[in-house]
């Protein structure tokens, strides 16, 4: 998914959640509360939004005008993509010494791993 944090810049973003009123995403770009951004929504087109919260590399934004979510061509992440994301997040938590967060991620990883039955 493409995100335009400014009129001259575009970055790749991972959409975590989306509704007709707003979205939550993760991107390697610094955004601040009240920043105006544009999200390229497949099937809908560009949608302008304002950032309403920021936490680490995740943020939430509210669309200025609600989007027709039933027209959005969004696909859920595969189990492999979800597991890869959790592993990257756990490594970052370990590097930062965020041990409680790392422990929660470790539990999520163990639950996401495929199990083999006898």
Protein backbone atom coordinates (compact mmCIF):
# COMPACT_ATOMS: atom_id res chain seq x y z
CA UNK A 1 0.00 0.00 0.00
CA UNK A 2 1.37 3.44 -0.88
CA UNK A 3 1.31 6.31 1.58
CA UNK A 4 1.97 9.97 0.75
CA UNK A 5 3.12 11.70 3.95
CA UNK A 6 3.76 14.86 1.89
CA UNK A 7 3.10 16.16 -1.61
CA UNK A 8 6.63 15.23 -2.75
CA UNK A 9 7.14 11.87 -1.01
CA UNK A 10 5.66 8.40 -1.24
CA UNK A 11 6.49 5.36 0.93
CA UNK A 12 5.36 1.77 1.28
CA UNK A 13 3.05 1.20 4.24
CA UNK A 14 1.54 -1.92 5.78
CA UNK A 15 -2.15 -1.49 6.37
CA UNK A 16 -3.13 -3.17 9.64
CA UNK A 17 -6.78 -2.19 9.84
CA UNK A 18 -9.10 -0.13 7.68
CA UNK A 19 -12.70 1.06 7.88
CA UNK A 20 -14.72 3.63 6.01
CA UNK A 21 -13.72 6.27 8.58
CA UNK A 22 -10.02 5.61 9.07
CA UNK A 23 -7.10 3.20 9.23
CA UNK A 24 -4.16 1.94 11.24
CA UNK A 25 -0.86 1.40 9.46
CA UNK A 26 2.83 0.77 9.96
CA UNK A 27 5.45 2.61 7.93
CA UNK A 28 9.11 3.51 8.12
CA UNK A 29 8.32 7.20 7.99
CA UNK A 30 7.83 9.61 10.85
CA UNK A 31 4.36 11.11 11.03
CA UNK A 32 2.99 13.36 13.75
CA UNK A 33 -0.46 13.97 15.20
CA UNK A 34 -2.55 16.18 12.92
CA UNK A 35 -0.31 15.57 9.86
CA UNK A 36 -2.32 15.42 6.64
CA UNK A 37 -1.48 12.29 4.64
CA UNK A 38 -2.88 10.51 1.60
CA UNK A 39 -3.37 6.74 1.41
CA UNK A 40 -3.66 5.00 -1.96
CA UNK A 41 -6.54 2.55 -1.37
CA UNK A 42 -6.76 -0.13 -4.10
CA UNK A 43 -10.17 0.00 -5.78
CA UNK A 44 -10.95 3.39 -4.24
CA UNK A 45 -8.00 5.64 -5.10
CA UNK A 46 -6.28 8.32 -3.04
CA UNK A 47 -7.93 9.17 0.28
CA UNK A 48 -6.81 12.10 2.42
CA UNK A 49 -6.65 11.64 6.18
CA UNK A 50 -5.35 13.28 9.36
CA UNK A 51 -3.09 11.39 11.77
CA UNK A 52 -4.89 11.06 15.13
CA UNK A 53 -2.34 8.98 17.09
CA UNK A 54 1.24 7.68 16.77
CA UNK A 55 2.89 4.83 18.68
CA UNK A 56 6.40 3.78 17.63
CA UNK A 57 6.18 2.95 13.90
CA UNK A 58 2.37 2.52 13.92
CA UNK A 59 -0.19 5.26 13.57
CA UNK A 60 -3.90 5.79 13.18
CA UNK A 61 -5.56 8.25 10.83
CA UNK A 62 -9.09 9.44 10.17
CA UNK A 63 -10.23 9.99 6.59
CA UNK A 64 -11.46 13.51 5.84
CA UNK A 65 -14.27 11.98 3.80
CA UNK A 66 -15.38 8.37 4.50
CA UNK A 67 -14.32 5.90 1.81
CA UNK A 68 -16.56 3.27 0.21
CA UNK A 69 -14.94 0.35 2.06
CA UNK A 70 -17.01 -2.19 0.08
CA UNK A 71 -15.15 -1.05 -3.07
CA UNK A 72 -11.69 -1.36 -1.49
CA UNK A 73 -9.65 -4.23 -2.88
CA UNK A 74 -7.88 -5.22 0.31
CA UNK A 75 -6.45 -8.65 1.01
CA UNK A 76 -5.63 -10.05 4.44
CA UNK A 77 -2.05 -10.93 5.29
CA UNK A 78 -1.07 -14.57 4.90
CA UNK A 79 -0.03 -16.60 7.94
CA UNK A 80 3.60 -16.47 6.72
CA UNK A 81 3.47 -12.65 6.44
CA UNK A 82 1.95 -12.39 9.92
CA UNK A 83 4.62 -14.67 11.41
CA UNK A 84 7.43 -12.76 9.65
CA UNK A 85 6.08 -9.45 11.02
CA UNK A 86 5.93 -10.88 14.56
CA UNK A 87 9.52 -12.13 14.31
CA UNK A 88 10.77 -8.72 13.17
CA UNK A 89 8.84 -7.00 15.97
CA UNK A 90 10.27 -9.43 18.54
CA UNK A 91 13.83 -8.78 17.35
CA UNK A 92 13.24 -5.02 17.64
CA UNK A 93 11.82 -5.44 21.15
CA UNK A 94 14.90 -7.48 22.16
CA UNK A 95 17.28 -4.85 20.77
CA UNK A 96 15.41 -2.13 22.68
CA UNK A 97 15.28 -4.10 25.93
CA UNK A 98 11.47 -4.09 25.98
CA UNK A 99 11.24 -7.45 27.72
CA UNK A 100 7.50 -7.46 28.54
CA UNK A 101 6.67 -6.60 24.94
CA UNK A 102 9.14 -9.24 23.72
CA UNK A 103 7.48 -11.85 25.94
CA UNK A 104 4.00 -11.03 24.54
CA UNK A 105 5.37 -11.27 21.00
CA UNK A 106 7.02 -14.62 21.81
CA UNK A 107 3.63 -15.96 22.91
CA UNK A 108 1.97 -14.66 19.74
CA UNK A 109 4.71 -16.29 17.65
CA UNK A 110 4.25 -19.66 19.36
CA UNK A 111 0.51 -19.45 18.68
CA UNK A 112 1.10 -18.50 15.03
CA UNK A 113 3.52 -21.36 14.30
CA UNK A 114 2.02 -24.24 12.37
CA UNK A 115 1.55 -27.32 14.50
CA UNK A 116 2.15 -30.87 13.37
CA UNK A 117 -0.27 -33.53 14.53
CA UNK A 118 0.69 -37.18 14.96
